[in-house]
Structure formats: structure tokens, C-alpha cells
Amino acid sequence: PRRTDLNPVITGTIERDDFRVEKLHFQSRPGLYVTANLYLPSKQGEG
């Protein structure tokens, strides 16, 4: 399939002492929504 714009949207964030969670969705093709949670380190530097 054609790689169309993902149109990612972050709908919320959860902060914990040692990690952060972003609640998000993107579209793998128009209208094909993928809901996801992104877990990010918060005590290991910036990457």
C-alpha cells in the first residue's frame, strides 16, 4: 500500500517517576486507525 501520512495524534500523557506514557493514534492508511501507547524512559538521559 502507499505510505500515506500517518497523521499521528497524542491524546494524553501519563508521567511516572521513571517513565512516561503517551497515548496516541496514527493511520496506517486513511481511516485505518492504530491505537497505541508509547513508553519512554525518563531517567536515562535524552537518548
All heavy atoms as atom14 arrays in JSON, in Angstrom:
{
  "sequence": "PRRTDLNPVITGTIERDDFRVEKLHFQSRPGLYVTANLYLPSKQGEG",
  "atom14_mask": [
    [1, 1, 1, 1, 1, 1, 1, 0, 0, 0, 0, 0, 0, 0],
    [1, 1, 1, 1, 1, 1, 1, 1, 1, 1, 1, 0, 0, 0],
    [1, 1, 1, 1, 1, 1, 1, 1, 1, 1, 1, 0, 0, 0],
    [1, 1, 1, 1, 1, 1, 1, 0, 0, 0, 0, 0, 0, 0],
    [1, 1, 1, 1, 1, 1, 1, 1, 0, 0, 0, 0, 0, 0],
    [1, 1, 1, 1, 1, 1, 1, 1, 0, 0, 0, 0, 0, 0],
    [1, 1, 1, 1, 1, 1, 1, 1, 0, 0, 0, 0, 0, 0],
    [1, 1, 1, 1, 1, 1, 1, 0, 0, 0, 0, 0, 0, 0],
    [1, 1, 1, 1, 1, 1, 1, 0, 0, 0, 0, 0, 0, 0],
    [1, 1, 1, 1, 1, 1, 1, 1, 0, 0, 0, 0, 0, 0],
    [1, 1, 1, 1, 1, 1, 1, 0, 0, 0, 0, 0, 0, 0],
    [1, 1, 1, 1, 0, 0, 0, 0, 0, 0, 0, 0, 0, 0],
    [1, 1, 1, 1, 1, 1, 1, 0, 0, 0, 0, 0, 0, 0],
    [1, 1, 1, 1, 1, 1, 1, 1, 0, 0, 0, 0, 0, 0],
    [1, 1, 1, 1, 1, 1, 1, 1, 1, 0, 0, 0, 0, 0],
    [1, 1, 1, 1, 1, 1, 1, 1, 1, 1, 1, 0, 0, 0],
    [1, 1, 1, 1, 1, 1, 1, 1, 0, 0, 0, 0, 0, 0],
    [1, 1, 1, 1, 1, 1, 1, 1, 0, 0, 0, 0, 0, 0],
    [1, 1, 1, 1, 1, 1, 1, 1, 1, 1, 1, 0, 0, 0],
    [1, 1, 1, 1, 1, 1, 1, 1, 1, 1, 1, 0, 0, 0],
    [1, 1, 1, 1, 1, 1, 1, 0, 0, 0, 0, 0, 0, 0],
    [1, 1, 1, 1, 1, 1, 1, 1, 1, 0, 0, 0, 0, 0],
    [1, 1, 1, 1, 1, 1, 1, 1, 1, 0, 0, 0, 0, 0],
    [1, 1, 1, 1, 1, 1, 1, 1, 0, 0, 0, 0, 0, 0],
    [1, 1, 1, 1, 1, 1, 1, 1, 1, 1, 0, 0, 0, 0],
    [1, 1, 1, 1, 1, 1, 1, 1, 1, 1, 1, 0, 0, 0],
    [1, 1, 1, 1, 1, 1, 1, 1, 1, 0, 0, 0, 0, 0],
    [1, 1, 1, 1, 1, 1, 0, 0, 0, 0, 0, 0, 0, 0],
    [1, 1, 1, 1, 1, 1, 1, 1, 1, 1, 1, 0, 0, 0],
    [1, 1, 1, 1, 1, 1, 1, 0, 0, 0, 0, 0, 0, 0],
    [1, 1, 1, 1, 0, 0, 0, 0, 0, 0, 0, 0, 0, 0],
    [1, 1, 1, 1, 1, 1, 1, 1, 0, 0, 0, 0, 0, 0],
    [1, 1, 1, 1, 1, 1, 1, 1, 1, 1, 1, 1, 0, 0],
    [1, 1, 1, 1, 1, 1, 1, 0, 0, 0, 0, 0, 0, 0],
    [1, 1, 1, 1, 1, 1, 1, 0, 0, 0, 0, 0, 0, 0],
    [1, 1, 1, 1, 1, 0, 0, 0, 0, 0, 0, 0, 0, 0],
    [1, 1, 1, 1, 1, 1, 1, 1, 0, 0, 0, 0, 0, 0],
    [1, 1, 1, 1, 1, 1, 1, 1, 0, 0, 0, 0, 0, 0],
    [1, 1, 1, 1, 1, 1, 1, 1, 1, 1, 1, 1, 0, 0],
    [1, 1, 1, 1, 1, 1, 1, 1, 0, 0, 0, 0, 0, 0],
    [1, 1, 1, 1, 1, 1, 1, 0, 0, 0, 0, 0, 0, 0],
    [1, 1, 1, 1, 1, 1, 0, 0, 0, 0, 0, 0, 0, 0],
    [1, 1, 1, 1, 1, 1, 1, 1, 1, 0, 0, 0, 0, 0],
    [1, 1, 1, 1, 1, 1, 1, 1, 1, 0, 0, 0, 0, 0],
    [1, 1, 1, 1, 0, 0, 0, 0, 0, 0, 0, 0, 0, 0],
    [1, 1, 1, 1, 1, 1, 1, 1, 1, 0, 0, 0, 0, 0],
    [1, 1, 1, 1, 0, 0, 0, 0, 0, 0, 0, 0, 0, 0]
  ],
  "atom14_positions": [
    [[0.84, -1.2, 0.0], [0.0, 0.0, 0.0], [0.87, 1.26, 0.0], [2.03, 1.23, 0.43], [-0.8, -0.12, 1.3], [-0.79, -1.58, 1.63], [0.54, -2.09, 1.14], [0.0, 0.0, 0.0], [0.0, 0.0, 0.0], [0.0, 0.0, 0.0], [0.0, 0.0, 0.0], [0.0, 0.0, 0.0], [0.0, 0.0, 0.0], [0.0, 0.0, 0.0]],
    [[0.31, 2.36, -0.47], [1.04, 3.63, -0.49], [1.25, 4.1, 0.95], [0.36, 4.0, 1.79], [0.25, 4.65, -1.3], [1.01, 5.94, -1.58], [0.32, 6.72, -2.71], [-1.04, 7.06, -2.35], [-1.39, 8.2, -1.75], [-0.46, 9.09, -1.45], [-2.65, 8.45, -1.46], [0.0, 0.0, 0.0], [0.0, 0.0, 0.0], [0.0, 0.0, 0.0]],
    [[2.44, 4.63, 1.21], [2.74, 5.16, 2.55], [2.16, 6.57, 2.66], [2.83, 7.56, 2.38], [4.25, 5.16, 2.79], [4.79, 3.85, 3.37], [6.28, 3.99, 3.64], [6.77, 3.04, 4.6], [7.24, 1.84, 4.31], [7.24, 1.42, 3.04], [7.7, 1.05, 5.25], [0.0, 0.0, 0.0], [0.0, 0.0, 0.0], [0.0, 0.0, 0.0]],
    [[0.92, 6.63, 3.07], [0.25, 7.91, 3.25], [0.66, 8.54, 4.57], [1.31, 7.9, 5.41], [-1.28, 7.7, 3.2], [-1.64, 6.67, 4.13], [-1.73, 7.28, 1.81], [0.0, 0.0, 0.0], [0.0, 0.0, 0.0], [0.0, 0.0, 0.0], [0.0, 0.0, 0.0], [0.0, 0.0, 0.0], [0.0, 0.0, 0.0], [0.0, 0.0, 0.0]],
    [[0.24, 9.79, 4.78], [0.57, 10.49, 6.02], [0.01, 9.73, 7.21], [-1.16, 9.34, 7.23], [0.0, 11.91, 5.98], [0.6, 12.81, 7.04], [0.95, 12.31, 8.13], [0.72, 14.02, 6.79], [0.0, 0.0, 0.0], [0.0, 0.0, 0.0], [0.0, 0.0, 0.0], [0.0, 0.0, 0.0], [0.0, 0.0, 0.0], [0.0, 0.0, 0.0]],
    [[0.83, 9.53, 8.22], [0.39, 8.81, 9.42], [-0.6, 9.62, 10.26], [-1.36, 9.04, 11.04], [1.6, 8.44, 10.28], [2.52, 7.35, 9.74], [3.8, 7.29, 10.57], [1.83, 6.0, 9.73], [0.0, 0.0, 0.0], [0.0, 0.0, 0.0], [0.0, 0.0, 0.0], [0.0, 0.0, 0.0], [0.0, 0.0, 0.0], [0.0, 0.0, 0.0]],
    [[-0.57, 10.94, 10.12], [-1.45, 11.81, 10.91], [-1.46, 11.43, 12.39], [-2.53, 11.21, 13.0], [-2.88, 11.78, 10.36], [-2.97, 12.37, 8.96], [-2.42, 13.43, 8.71], [-3.64, 11.66, 8.06], [0.0, 0.0, 0.0], [0.0, 0.0, 0.0], [0.0, 0.0, 0.0], [0.0, 0.0, 0.0], [0.0, 0.0, 0.0], [0.0, 0.0, 0.0]],
    [[-0.29, 11.33, 13.03], [-0.27, 10.91, 14.44], [-0.86, 11.98, 15.35], [-0.67, 13.18, 15.15], [1.22, 10.71, 14.71], [1.91, 11.63, 13.75], [1.05, 11.64, 12.51], [0.0, 0.0, 0.0], [0.0, 0.0, 0.0], [0.0, 0.0, 0.0], [0.0, 0.0, 0.0], [0.0, 0.0, 0.0], [0.0, 0.0, 0.0], [0.0, 0.0, 0.0]],
    [[-1.59, 11.53, 16.37], [-2.18, 12.44, 17.35], [-1.92, 11.87, 18.74], [-2.24, 10.7, 19.02], [-3.7, 12.59, 17.13], [-4.31, 13.45, 18.23], [-3.99, 13.19, 15.76], [0.0, 0.0, 0.0], [0.0, 0.0, 0.0], [0.0, 0.0, 0.0], [0.0, 0.0, 0.0], [0.0, 0.0, 0.0], [0.0, 0.0, 0.0], [0.0, 0.0, 0.0]],
    [[-1.32, 12.67, 19.61], [-1.14, 12.29, 21.02], [-2.32, 12.83, 21.79], [-2.57, 14.04, 21.82], [0.19, 12.84, 21.57], [1.36, 12.24, 20.79], [0.32, 12.53, 23.06], [2.7, 12.89, 21.1], [0.0, 0.0, 0.0], [0.0, 0.0, 0.0], [0.0, 0.0, 0.0], [0.0, 0.0, 0.0], [0.0, 0.0, 0.0], [0.0, 0.0, 0.0]],
    [[-3.07, 11.94, 22.42], [-4.31, 12.35, 23.1], [-4.14, 12.5, 24.61], [-5.06, 12.97, 25.28], [-5.43, 11.35, 22.82], [-5.1, 10.08, 23.42], [-5.66, 11.17, 21.33], [0.0, 0.0, 0.0], [0.0, 0.0, 0.0], [0.0, 0.0, 0.0], [0.0, 0.0, 0.0], [0.0, 0.0, 0.0], [0.0, 0.0, 0.0], [0.0, 0.0, 0.0]],
    [[-3.01, 12.09, 25.14], [-2.81, 12.21, 26.58], [-1.44, 11.69, 26.98], [-0.79, 10.96, 26.23], [0.0, 0.0, 0.0], [0.0, 0.0, 0.0], [0.0, 0.0, 0.0], [0.0, 0.0, 0.0], [0.0, 0.0, 0.0], [0.0, 0.0, 0.0], [0.0, 0.0, 0.0], [0.0, 0.0, 0.0], [0.0, 0.0, 0.0], [0.0, 0.0, 0.0]],
    [[-0.99, 12.07, 28.16], [0.32, 11.66, 28.68], [0.18, 11.29, 30.15], [-0.57, 11.92, 30.9], [1.35, 12.8, 28.53], [1.45, 13.16, 27.16], [2.72, 12.35, 29.03], [0.0, 0.0, 0.0], [0.0, 0.0, 0.0], [0.0, 0.0, 0.0], [0.0, 0.0, 0.0], [0.0, 0.0, 0.0], [0.0, 0.0, 0.0], [0.0, 0.0, 0.0]],
    [[0.91, 10.25, 30.54], [0.98, 9.84, 31.94], [2.43, 9.94, 32.39], [3.33, 9.36, 31.75], [0.48, 8.39, 32.14], [-0.95, 8.23, 31.6], [0.54, 8.0, 33.61], [-1.43, 6.79, 31.61], [0.0, 0.0, 0.0], [0.0, 0.0, 0.0], [0.0, 0.0, 0.0], [0.0, 0.0, 0.0], [0.0, 0.0, 0.0], [0.0, 0.0, 0.0]],
    [[2.69, 10.67, 33.45], [4.05, 10.84, 33.97], [4.23, 9.98, 35.22], [3.42, 10.05, 36.15], [4.32, 12.31, 34.3], [4.31, 13.25, 33.1], [5.59, 13.18, 32.29], [6.52, 12.46, 32.72], [5.64, 13.84, 31.23], [0.0, 0.0, 0.0], [0.0, 0.0, 0.0], [0.0, 0.0, 0.0], [0.0, 0.0, 0.0], [0.0, 0.0, 0.0]],
    [[5.28, 9.16, 35.21], [5.7, 8.44, 36.4], [7.14, 8.82, 36.71], [7.83, 9.46, 35.89], [5.58, 6.93, 36.18], [4.13, 6.44, 36.09], [3.4, 6.61, 37.42], [2.0, 6.19, 37.37], [1.55, 5.04, 37.83], [2.38, 4.17, 38.38], [0.26, 4.76, 37.77], [0.0, 0.0, 0.0], [0.0, 0.0, 0.0], [0.0, 0.0, 0.0]],
    [[7.64, 8.4, 37.86], [8.99, 8.81, 38.27], [10.05, 8.35, 37.28], [11.0, 9.09, 36.99], [9.31, 8.25, 39.66], [8.53, 8.94, 40.76], [8.02, 10.05, 40.5], [8.42, 8.37, 41.86], [0.0, 0.0, 0.0], [0.0, 0.0, 0.0], [0.0, 0.0, 0.0], [0.0, 0.0, 0.0], [0.0, 0.0, 0.0], [0.0, 0.0, 0.0]],
    [[9.91, 7.15, 36.76], [10.98, 6.59, 35.93], [10.58, 6.31, 34.49], [11.36, 5.74, 33.73], [11.54, 5.31, 36.58], [10.45, 4.35, 37.03], [9.25, 4.69, 36.88], [10.79, 3.26, 37.53], [0.0, 0.0, 0.0], [0.0, 0.0, 0.0], [0.0, 0.0, 0.0], [0.0, 0.0, 0.0], [0.0, 0.0, 0.0], [0.0, 0.0, 0.0]],
    [[9.38, 6.67, 34.08], [8.98, 6.53, 32.68], [7.78, 7.42, 32.39], [7.12, 7.93, 33.31], [8.67, 5.07, 32.32], [7.45, 4.51, 33.0], [6.2, 4.55, 32.38], [7.54, 3.93, 34.26], [5.07, 4.04, 33.0], [6.41, 3.41, 34.89], [5.17, 3.46, 34.26], [0.0, 0.0, 0.0], [0.0, 0.0, 0.0], [0.0, 0.0, 0.0]],
    [[7.52, 7.62, 31.1], [6.39, 8.4, 30.65], [5.62, 7.61, 29.6], [6.22, 6.87, 28.83], [6.87, 9.72, 30.04], [5.76, 10.65, 29.58], [6.28, 12.01, 29.15], [6.7, 12.05, 27.76], [7.95, 12.09, 27.34], [8.93, 12.07, 28.23], [8.25, 12.13, 26.06], [0.0, 0.0, 0.0], [0.0, 0.0, 0.0], [0.0, 0.0, 0.0]],
    [[4.3, 7.74, 29.59], [3.47, 7.07, 28.6], [2.71, 8.11, 27.78], [2.09, 9.02, 28.36], [2.44, 6.12, 29.26], [1.7, 5.32, 28.18], [3.11, 5.19, 30.25], [0.0, 0.0, 0.0], [0.0, 0.0, 0.0], [0.0, 0.0, 0.0], [0.0, 0.0, 0.0], [0.0, 0.0, 0.0], [0.0, 0.0, 0.0], [0.0, 0.0, 0.0]],
    [[2.79, 7.98, 26.48], [1.98, 8.81, 25.59], [0.88, 7.95, 24.97], [1.16, 6.87, 24.44], [2.83, 9.44, 24.5], [3.81, 10.47, 25.03], [4.65, 11.13, 23.96], [4.51, 10.73, 22.77], [5.44, 12.02, 24.28], [0.0, 0.0, 0.0], [0.0, 0.0, 0.0], [0.0, 0.0, 0.0], [0.0, 0.0, 0.0], [0.0, 0.0, 0.0]],
    [[-0.35, 8.42, 25.07], [-1.49, 7.74, 24.44], [-1.69, 8.38, 23.07], [-1.85, 9.6, 22.97], [-2.73, 7.88, 25.32], [-2.57, 7.26, 26.7], [-3.79, 7.42, 27.57], [-3.91, 8.83, 28.12], [-5.03, 8.95, 29.08], [0.0, 0.0, 0.0], [0.0, 0.0, 0.0], [0.0, 0.0, 0.0], [0.0, 0.0, 0.0], [0.0, 0.0, 0.0]],
    [[-1.66, 7.56, 22.02], [-1.65, 8.13, 20.68], [-2.37, 7.23, 19.69], [-2.64, 6.05, 19.95], [-0.21, 8.37, 20.22], [0.71, 7.15, 20.08], [0.72, 6.63, 18.64], [2.12, 7.46, 20.53], [0.0, 0.0, 0.0], [0.0, 0.0, 0.0], [0.0, 0.0, 0.0], [0.0, 0.0, 0.0], [0.0, 0.0, 0.0], [0.0, 0.0, 0.0]],
    [[-2.66, 7.8, 18.54], [-3.13, 7.01, 17.42], [-2.51, 7.54, 16.13], [-2.09, 8.71, 16.06], [-4.67, 7.0, 17.32], [-5.3, 8.35, 17.12], [-5.36, 8.98, 15.89], [-5.93, 9.17, 18.0], [-5.99, 10.13, 16.01], [-6.34, 10.29, 17.29], [0.0, 0.0, 0.0], [0.0, 0.0, 0.0], [0.0, 0.0, 0.0], [0.0, 0.0, 0.0]],
    [[-2.4, 6.68, 15.14], [-1.97, 7.07, 13.8], [-2.79, 6.28, 12.8], [-3.51, 5.35, 13.17], [-0.46, 6.86, 13.6], [0.0, 5.44, 13.73], [-0.03, 4.55, 12.65], [0.51, 4.96, 14.94], [0.4, 3.24, 12.77], [0.96, 3.65, 15.07], [0.9, 2.79, 13.98], [0.0, 0.0, 0.0], [0.0, 0.0, 0.0], [0.0, 0.0, 0.0]],
    [[-2.71, 6.66, 11.53], [-3.46, 5.99, 10.48], [-2.47, 5.31, 9.53], [-1.72, 6.0, 8.83], [-4.34, 6.97, 9.73], [-5.41, 7.62, 10.61], [-6.21, 8.67, 9.87], [-6.79, 8.41, 8.8], [-6.28, 9.87, 10.43], [0.0, 0.0, 0.0], [0.0, 0.0, 0.0], [0.0, 0.0, 0.0], [0.0, 0.0, 0.0], [0.0, 0.0, 0.0]],
    [[-2.47, 3.99, 9.5], [-1.54, 3.27, 8.64], [-1.9, 3.43, 7.17], [-1.06, 3.26, 6.29], [-1.49, 1.8, 9.02], [-2.73, 1.16, 8.8], [0.0, 0.0, 0.0], [0.0, 0.0, 0.0], [0.0, 0.0, 0.0], [0.0, 0.0, 0.0], [0.0, 0.0, 0.0], [0.0, 0.0, 0.0], [0.0, 0.0, 0.0], [0.0, 0.0, 0.0]],
    [[-3.15, 3.72, 6.88], [-3.66, 4.23, 5.62], [-4.91, 5.01, 5.98], [-5.41, 4.87, 7.1], [-3.93, 3.11, 4.6], [-4.8, 1.99, 5.1], [-4.81, 0.81, 4.16], [-5.79, 0.97, 3.07], [-5.95, 0.07, 2.1], [-5.2, -1.02, 2.07], [-6.84, 0.26, 1.17], [0.0, 0.0, 0.0], [0.0, 0.0, 0.0], [0.0, 0.0, 0.0]],
    [[-5.42, 5.86, 5.12], [-6.52, 6.73, 5.54], [-7.69, 5.96, 6.15], [-8.25, 5.04, 5.54], [-6.92, 7.41, 4.22], [-5.65, 7.47, 3.44], [-4.94, 6.18, 3.75], [0.0, 0.0, 0.0], [0.0, 0.0, 0.0], [0.0, 0.0, 0.0], [0.0, 0.0, 0.0], [0.0, 0.0, 0.0], [0.0, 0.0, 0.0], [0.0, 0.0, 0.0]],
    [[-8.03, 6.31, 7.38], [-9.13, 5.68, 8.08], [-8.78, 4.4, 8.81], [-9.58, 3.92, 9.62], [0.0, 0.0, 0.0], [0.0, 0.0, 0.0], [0.0, 0.0, 0.0], [0.0, 0.0, 0.0], [0.0, 0.0, 0.0], [0.0, 0.0, 0.0], [0.0, 0.0, 0.0], [0.0, 0.0, 0.0], [0.0, 0.0, 0.0], [0.0, 0.0, 0.0]],
    [[-7.61, 3.84, 8.56], [-7.19, 2.62, 9.25], [-6.41, 3.04, 10.5], [-5.19, 3.13, 10.5], [-6.35, 1.73, 8.35], [-5.95, 0.35, 8.91], [-7.18, -0.44, 9.36], [-5.16, -0.45, 7.88], [0.0, 0.0, 0.0], [0.0, 0.0, 0.0], [0.0, 0.0, 0.0], [0.0, 0.0, 0.0], [0.0, 0.0, 0.0], [0.0, 0.0, 0.0]],
    [[-7.16, 3.32, 11.56], [-6.58, 3.85, 12.79], [-5.88, 2.74, 13.57], [-6.38, 1.62, 13.69], [-7.67, 4.46, 13.68], [-8.19, 5.79, 13.19], [-9.25, 5.84, 12.28], [-7.63, 6.98, 13.63], [-9.75, 7.06, 11.83], [-8.12, 8.21, 13.19], [-9.18, 8.24, 12.28], [-9.66, 9.44, 11.84], [0.0, 0.0, 0.0], [0.0, 0.0, 0.0]],
    [[-4.72, 3.09, 14.12], [-3.97, 2.21, 15.01], [-3.84, 2.93, 16.34], [-3.22, 4.0, 16.42], [-2.59, 1.86, 14.45], [-1.85, 0.92, 15.4], [-2.69, 1.25, 13.06], [0.0, 0.0, 0.0], [0.0, 0.0, 0.0], [0.0, 0.0, 0.0], [0.0, 0.0, 0.0], [0.0, 0.0, 0.0], [0.0, 0.0, 0.0], [0.0, 0.0, 0.0]],
    [[-4.45, 2.38, 17.38], [-4.32, 2.96, 18.72], [-3.1, 2.35, 19.41], [-2.82, 1.16, 19.25], [-5.59, 2.72, 19.54], [-6.06, 1.38, 19.33], [-6.68, 3.69, 19.13], [0.0, 0.0, 0.0], [0.0, 0.0, 0.0], [0.0, 0.0, 0.0], [0.0, 0.0, 0.0], [0.0, 0.0, 0.0], [0.0, 0.0, 0.0], [0.0, 0.0, 0.0]],
    [[-2.39, 3.17, 20.17], [-1.1, 2.73, 20.71], [-0.77, 3.47, 21.98], [-1.31, 4.55, 22.27], [0.0, 2.96, 19.67], [0.0, 0.0, 0.0], [0.0, 0.0, 0.0], [0.0, 0.0, 0.0], [0.0, 0.0, 0.0], [0.0, 0.0, 0.0], [0.0, 0.0, 0.0], [0.0, 0.0, 0.0], [0.0, 0.0, 0.0], [0.0, 0.0, 0.0]],
    [[0.15, 2.89, 22.75], [0.77, 3.55, 23.89], [2.28, 3.52, 23.69], [2.85, 2.46, 23.37], [0.43, 2.86, 25.21], [-1.05, 2.95, 25.58], [-1.59, 2.03, 26.17], [-1.72, 4.04, 25.24], [0.0, 0.0, 0.0], [0.0, 0.0, 0.0], [0.0, 0.0, 0.0], [0.0, 0.0, 0.0], [0.0, 0.0, 0.0], [0.0, 0.0, 0.0]],
    [[2.91, 4.68, 23.85], [4.35, 4.79, 23.7], [4.98, 5.0, 25.07], [4.65, 5.96, 25.78], [4.71, 5.95, 22.78], [6.2, 6.17, 22.51], [6.77, 5.02, 21.67], [6.45, 7.5, 21.82], [0.0, 0.0, 0.0], [0.0, 0.0, 0.0], [0.0, 0.0, 0.0], [0.0, 0.0, 0.0], [0.0, 0.0, 0.0], [0.0, 0.0, 0.0]],
    [[5.87, 4.09, 25.47], [6.54, 4.13, 26.77], [7.96, 4.67, 26.57], [8.72, 4.16, 25.75], [6.58, 2.74, 27.39], [5.2, 2.23, 27.76], [4.36, 1.7, 26.79], [4.74, 2.29, 29.07], [3.08, 1.25, 27.12], [3.47, 1.86, 29.41], [2.65, 1.33, 28.43], [1.39, 0.89, 28.75], [0.0, 0.0, 0.0], [0.0, 0.0, 0.0]],
    [[8.3, 5.71, 27.34], [9.57, 6.41, 27.17], [10.34, 6.46, 28.49], [9.75, 6.72, 29.54], [9.31, 7.85, 26.7], [8.64, 7.97, 25.33], [7.8, 9.23, 25.25], [9.68, 7.95, 24.23], [0.0, 0.0, 0.0], [0.0, 0.0, 0.0], [0.0, 0.0, 0.0], [0.0, 0.0, 0.0], [0.0, 0.0, 0.0], [0.0, 0.0, 0.0]],
    [[11.66, 6.21, 28.45], [12.46, 6.31, 29.67], [12.51, 7.77, 30.14], [12.47, 8.69, 29.32], [13.84, 5.83, 29.24], [13.67, 5.23, 27.89], [12.47, 5.85, 27.28], [0.0, 0.0, 0.0], [0.0, 0.0, 0.0], [0.0, 0.0, 0.0], [0.0, 0.0, 0.0], [0.0, 0.0, 0.0], [0.0, 0.0, 0.0], [0.0, 0.0, 0.0]],
    [[12.61, 7.97, 31.44], [12.73, 9.34, 31.94], [13.91, 9.54, 32.88], [14.11, 10.63, 33.39], [11.43, 9.77, 32.66], [11.13, 8.89, 33.72], [0.0, 0.0, 0.0], [0.0, 0.0, 0.0], [0.0, 0.0, 0.0], [0.0, 0.0, 0.0], [0.0, 0.0, 0.0], [0.0, 0.0, 0.0], [0.0, 0.0, 0.0], [0.0, 0.0, 0.0]],
    [[14.71, 8.49, 33.09], [15.87, 8.61, 33.99], [17.18, 8.2, 33.33], [18.19, 8.06, 33.99], [15.65, 7.76, 35.25], [14.68, 8.38, 36.25], [14.69, 7.61, 37.56], [13.84, 8.3, 38.6], [13.84, 7.57, 39.9], [0.0, 0.0, 0.0], [0.0, 0.0, 0.0], [0.0, 0.0, 0.0], [0.0, 0.0, 0.0], [0.0, 0.0, 0.0]],
    [[17.15, 8.0, 32.01], [18.35, 7.52, 31.32], [18.89, 8.53, 30.31], [19.53, 8.17, 29.34], [18.06, 6.19, 30.6], [17.88, 5.0, 31.53], [16.46, 4.85, 32.02], [15.57, 5.59, 31.64], [16.24, 3.87, 32.91], [0.0, 0.0, 0.0], [0.0, 0.0, 0.0], [0.0, 0.0, 0.0], [0.0, 0.0, 0.0], [0.0, 0.0, 0.0]],
    [[18.6, 9.81, 30.51], [19.08, 10.82, 29.58], [18.06, 11.08, 28.48], [16.9, 10.69, 28.56], [0.0, 0.0, 0.0], [0.0, 0.0, 0.0], [0.0, 0.0, 0.0], [0.0, 0.0, 0.0], [0.0, 0.0, 0.0], [0.0, 0.0, 0.0], [0.0, 0.0, 0.0], [0.0, 0.0, 0.0], [0.0, 0.0, 0.0], [0.0, 0.0, 0.0]],
    [[18.51, 11.74, 27.41], [17.63, 12.15, 26.33], [17.62, 11.18, 25.15], [16.84, 11.35, 24.22], [18.03, 13.55, 25.84], [17.87, 14.64, 26.91], [18.23, 16.0, 26.39], [18.67, 16.09, 25.22], [18.08, 16.99, 27.14], [0.0, 0.0, 0.0], [0.0, 0.0, 0.0], [0.0, 0.0, 0.0], [0.0, 0.0, 0.0], [0.0, 0.0, 0.0]],
    [[18.5, 10.21, 25.15], [18.54, 9.28, 24.02], [19.45, 9.8, 22.92], [20.26, 10.69, 23.14], [0.0, 0.0, 0.0], [0.0, 0.0, 0.0], [0.0, 0.0, 0.0], [0.0, 0.0, 0.0], [0.0, 0.0, 0.0], [0.0, 0.0, 0.0], [0.0, 0.0, 0.0], [0.0, 0.0, 0.0], [0.0, 0.0, 0.0], [0.0, 0.0, 0.0]]
  ]
}
